[in-house]
Amino acid sequence: MSIATSFDPVSPAFRRDPYPAYARLRDEAPVQQAASFGVWTIARYDDVTHVLKNPQIFSSSVMGGAAMMSTPVRSVISSDPPQ
C-alpha cells in the first residue's frame, strides 16, 4: 500500500510515532492528496514555505477550519492572511 493511500494523521499509530510516516511522505509523496480526508499534504520544508508565502495561489479557505475535525477549529493552518 502506498503512503498516499495509507496516510492517516489521526490514527493511533501515527499519533504515537509520526516520524516514519513523515519520512515516507518526504521520500515517496512530498505533495499529494490524502485519500482519507481529501486534503492536500505537503511534506518538504521548501514546498511548505512556498505555499505559506503565496496565499493568493494556495488558499486555506476551502478547509473550513481543519477538515479532519468534526467541529471546525480556527487555526493558522486553516486561515489566510490577514487573519
Protein backbone atom coordinates (compact mmCIF):
# COMPACT_ATOMS: atom_id res chain seq x y z
CA MET A 1 0.00 0.00 0.00
CA SER A 2 1.37 3.40 -0.93
CA ILE A 3 1.85 6.19 1.57
CA ALA A 4 -0.71 8.25 -0.36
CA THR A 5 -3.45 5.70 0.35
CA SER A 6 -2.34 4.76 3.87
CA PHE A 7 -1.56 8.18 5.35
CA ASP A 8 -3.91 8.71 8.30
CA PRO A 9 -2.80 11.55 10.61
CA VAL A 10 -5.49 10.77 13.19
CA SER A 11 -4.73 7.08 13.60
CA PRO A 12 -3.41 5.94 17.00
CA ALA A 13 -0.26 4.51 15.39
CA PHE A 14 0.53 7.81 13.65
CA ARG A 15 -0.05 9.78 16.84
CA ARG A 16 2.29 7.50 18.80
CA ASP A 17 5.14 7.92 16.31
CA PRO A 18 4.52 10.18 13.29
CA TYR A 19 8.14 10.47 12.16
CA PRO A 20 8.37 7.35 9.95
CA ALA A 21 5.24 8.48 8.08
CA TYR A 22 6.67 11.97 7.65
CA ALA A 23 9.89 10.48 6.25
CA ARG A 24 7.93 8.32 3.80
CA LEU A 25 5.88 11.32 2.69
CA ARG A 26 9.03 13.36 2.04
CA ASP A 27 10.63 10.48 0.10
CA GLU A 28 7.66 8.98 -1.76
CA ALA A 29 4.85 11.53 -1.97
CA PRO A 30 6.00 15.02 -0.97
CA VAL A 31 2.88 16.63 -2.47
CA GLN A 32 -0.23 14.50 -2.56
CA GLN A 33 -3.89 14.42 -1.73
CA ALA A 34 -4.56 12.43 1.43
CA ALA A 35 -7.04 9.75 0.40
CA SER A 36 -8.62 9.54 3.84
CA PHE A 37 -9.53 13.26 4.01
CA GLY A 38 -9.25 14.72 0.52
CA VAL A 39 -6.94 17.50 1.72
CA TRP A 40 -3.52 18.10 0.24
CA THR A 41 -0.43 17.28 2.23
CA ILE A 42 2.92 18.90 1.58
CA ALA A 43 5.87 17.28 3.30
CA ARG A 44 9.01 19.16 2.29
CA TYR A 45 10.05 22.35 4.05
CA ASP A 46 10.76 24.38 0.89
CA ASP A 47 7.39 23.40 -0.61
CA VAL A 48 5.52 24.27 2.61
CA THR A 49 7.29 27.63 2.79
CA HIS A 50 6.35 28.39 -0.82
CA VAL A 51 2.70 27.56 -0.18
CA LEU A 52 2.51 29.60 3.01
CA LYS A 53 4.12 32.63 1.36
CA ASN A 54 1.69 32.59 -1.58
CA PRO A 55 -1.88 32.65 -0.22
CA GLN A 56 -3.12 34.25 -3.45
CA ILE A 57 -2.32 30.93 -5.17
CA PHE A 58 -2.74 28.45 -2.30
CA SER A 59 -5.74 29.26 -0.12
CA SER A 60 -6.69 27.52 3.11
CA SER A 61 -10.24 28.84 2.97
CA VAL A 62 -11.59 25.62 1.45
CA MET A 63 -10.66 23.73 4.60
CA GLY A 64 -13.46 25.38 6.54
CA GLY A 65 -11.44 25.12 9.72
CA ALA A 66 -9.49 21.89 9.97
CA ALA A 67 -11.25 19.36 7.76
CA MET A 68 -10.06 16.45 9.88
CA MET A 69 -12.09 17.52 12.90
CA SER A 70 -15.81 17.07 13.41
CA THR A 71 -16.03 20.57 14.92
CA PRO A 72 -14.22 23.19 12.82
CA VAL A 73 -11.46 24.98 14.70
CA ARG A 74 -9.90 28.26 13.64
CA SER A 75 -6.16 27.81 13.29
CA VAL A 76 -3.13 29.00 11.38
CA ILE A 77 -3.44 26.01 9.06
CA SER A 78 -6.99 26.89 8.02
CA SER A 79 -6.53 30.68 7.76
CA ASP A 80 -5.27 33.03 5.10
CA PRO A 81 -3.76 36.48 5.64
CA PRO A 82 -4.61 38.89 7.15
CA GLN A 83 -6.10 36.59 9.82
